[in-house]
Amino acid sequence: MASDLESLSEVIEPGVTGLLVPHDDPLAWRDALSFLRDHPEWRAKLGHNAREALVNRFSWKRRAEKILSGLKW
């Protein structure tokens, strides 16, 4: 779970790799935390998907491939 700031929304895919919450909405934060507390299957799913996405996107191997191919991050 993270705030919906631009840099974080580039990394987190809502409902797939995490939850994005309006940065200035405390009630939305409360609701998102309550949802995650009450739904352990979603916590596990989001955590698994986030780890897979990070490994695929930011692993040393992937970074080396991007550097060698001249692609931007």
C-alpha atoms as a PDB file:
ATOM      1  CA  MET A   1       0.000   0.000   0.000  1.00  0.00           C
ATOM      2  CA  ALA A   2       1.319   3.397  -0.914  1.00  0.00           C
ATOM      3  CA  SER A   3       0.147   6.912  -1.611  1.00  0.00           C
ATOM      4  CA  ASP A   4      -0.906   7.798  -5.125  1.00  0.00           C
ATOM      5  CA  LEU A   5       2.056  10.080  -5.750  1.00  0.00           C
ATOM      6  CA  GLU A   6       3.324   9.911  -9.309  1.00  0.00           C
ATOM      7  CA  SER A   7       6.586   8.118  -8.636  1.00  0.00           C
ATOM      8  CA  LEU A   8       4.871   5.396  -6.590  1.00  0.00           C
ATOM      9  CA  SER A   9       2.070   4.934  -9.082  1.00  0.00           C
ATOM     10  CA  GLU A  10       4.699   4.118 -11.694  1.00  0.00           C
ATOM     11  CA  VAL A  11       5.793   1.117  -9.628  1.00  0.00           C
ATOM     12  CA  ILE A  12       2.529  -0.137  -8.136  1.00  0.00           C
ATOM     13  CA  GLU A  13      -0.255  -1.513 -10.296  1.00  0.00           C
ATOM     14  CA  PRO A  14      -3.432  -1.000  -8.249  1.00  0.00           C
ATOM     15  CA  GLY A  15      -5.108  -4.235  -7.265  1.00  0.00           C
ATOM     16  CA  VAL A  16      -2.288  -6.296  -8.773  1.00  0.00           C
ATOM     17  CA  THR A  17       0.961  -5.386  -7.000  1.00  0.00           C
ATOM     18  CA  GLY A  18      -0.469  -3.198  -4.245  1.00  0.00           C
ATOM     19  CA  LEU A  19      -2.999  -0.595  -3.296  1.00  0.00           C
ATOM     20  CA  LEU A  20      -2.700   3.095  -4.065  1.00  0.00           C
ATOM     21  CA  VAL A  21      -4.369   5.491  -1.662  1.00  0.00           C
ATOM     22  CA  PRO A  22      -4.911   9.237  -2.086  1.00  0.00           C
ATOM     23  CA  HIS A  23      -2.066  10.864  -0.196  1.00  0.00           C
ATOM     24  CA  ASP A  24      -4.325  13.433   1.438  1.00  0.00           C
ATOM     25  CA  ASP A  25      -7.243  11.193   2.443  1.00  0.00           C
ATOM     26  CA  PRO A  26      -6.849   9.688   5.931  1.00  0.00           C
ATOM     27  CA  LEU A  27     -10.168   7.844   5.655  1.00  0.00           C
ATOM     28  CA  ALA A  28      -9.007   6.108   2.486  1.00  0.00           C
ATOM     29  CA  TRP A  29      -5.827   5.044   4.310  1.00  0.00           C
ATOM     30  CA  ARG A  30      -7.917   3.679   7.162  1.00  0.00           C
ATOM     31  CA  ASP A  31     -10.159   1.789   4.764  1.00  0.00           C
ATOM     32  CA  ALA A  32      -7.231   0.315   2.823  1.00  0.00           C
ATOM     33  CA  LEU A  33      -5.494  -0.800   6.012  1.00  0.00           C
ATOM     34  CA  SER A  34      -8.727  -2.333   7.282  1.00  0.00           C
ATOM     35  CA  PHE A  35      -9.195  -4.152   3.984  1.00  0.00           C
ATOM     36  CA  LEU A  36      -5.703  -5.616   4.121  1.00  0.00           C
ATOM     37  CA  ARG A  37      -6.140  -6.556   7.783  1.00  0.00           C
ATOM     38  CA  ASP A  38      -9.406  -8.359   7.030  1.00  0.00           C
ATOM     39  CA  HIS A  39      -8.311 -10.089   3.808  1.00  0.00           C
ATOM     40  CA  PRO A  40      -5.126 -12.094   4.308  1.00  0.00           C
ATOM     41  CA  GLU A  41      -5.582 -13.750   0.908  1.00  0.00           C
ATOM     42  CA  TRP A  42      -5.309 -10.324  -0.751  1.00  0.00           C
ATOM     43  CA  ARG A  43      -2.229  -9.458   1.326  1.00  0.00           C
ATOM     44  CA  ALA A  44      -0.604 -12.674   0.132  1.00  0.00           C
ATOM     45  CA  LYS A  45      -1.661 -12.149  -3.503  1.00  0.00           C
ATOM     46  CA  LEU A  46      -0.483  -8.532  -3.639  1.00  0.00           C
ATOM     47  CA  GLY A  47       2.779  -9.404  -1.888  1.00  0.00           C
ATOM     48  CA  HIS A  48       3.494 -12.283  -4.244  1.00  0.00           C
ATOM     49  CA  ASN A  49       2.682 -10.212  -7.339  1.00  0.00           C
ATOM     50  CA  ALA A  50       4.771  -7.276  -6.107  1.00  0.00           C
ATOM     51  CA  ARG A  51       7.780  -9.479  -5.485  1.00  0.00           C
ATOM     52  CA  GLU A  52       7.492 -11.081  -8.927  1.00  0.00           C
ATOM     53  CA  ALA A  53       7.165  -7.680 -10.598  1.00  0.00           C
ATOM     54  CA  LEU A  54      10.176  -6.290  -8.769  1.00  0.00           C
ATOM     55  CA  VAL A  55      12.330  -9.302  -9.524  1.00  0.00           C
ATOM     56  CA  ASN A  56      11.352  -9.178 -13.199  1.00  0.00           C
ATOM     57  CA  ARG A  57      11.726  -5.429 -13.526  1.00  0.00           C
ATOM     58  CA  PHE A  58      14.586  -4.535 -11.184  1.00  0.00           C
ATOM     59  CA  SER A  59      16.770  -7.633 -10.841  1.00  0.00           C
ATOM     60  CA  TRP A  60      20.482  -7.238 -11.487  1.00  0.00           C
ATOM     61  CA  LYS A  61      20.094  -9.346 -14.599  1.00  0.00           C
ATOM     62  CA  ARG A  62      17.297  -7.117 -15.926  1.00  0.00           C
ATOM     63  CA  ARG A  63      19.233  -3.962 -15.086  1.00  0.00           C
ATOM     64  CA  ALA A  64      22.295  -5.300 -16.907  1.00  0.00           C
ATOM     65  CA  GLU A  65      20.166  -6.150 -19.943  1.00  0.00           C
ATOM     66  CA  LYS A  66      18.792  -2.609 -20.017  1.00  0.00           C
ATOM     67  CA  ILE A  67      22.224  -1.045 -19.674  1.00  0.00           C
ATOM     68  CA  LEU A  68      23.670  -3.227 -22.408  1.00  0.00           C
ATOM     69  CA  SER A  69      20.762  -2.521 -24.732  1.00  0.00           C
ATOM     70  CA  GLY A  70      20.804   1.222 -24.033  1.00  0.00           C
ATOM     71  CA  LEU A  71      17.203   1.321 -22.846  1.00  0.00           C
ATOM     72  CA  LYS A  72      15.942   3.837 -20.309  1.00  0.00           C
ATOM     73  CA  TRP A  73      14.826   2.680 -16.865  1.00  0.00           C
END
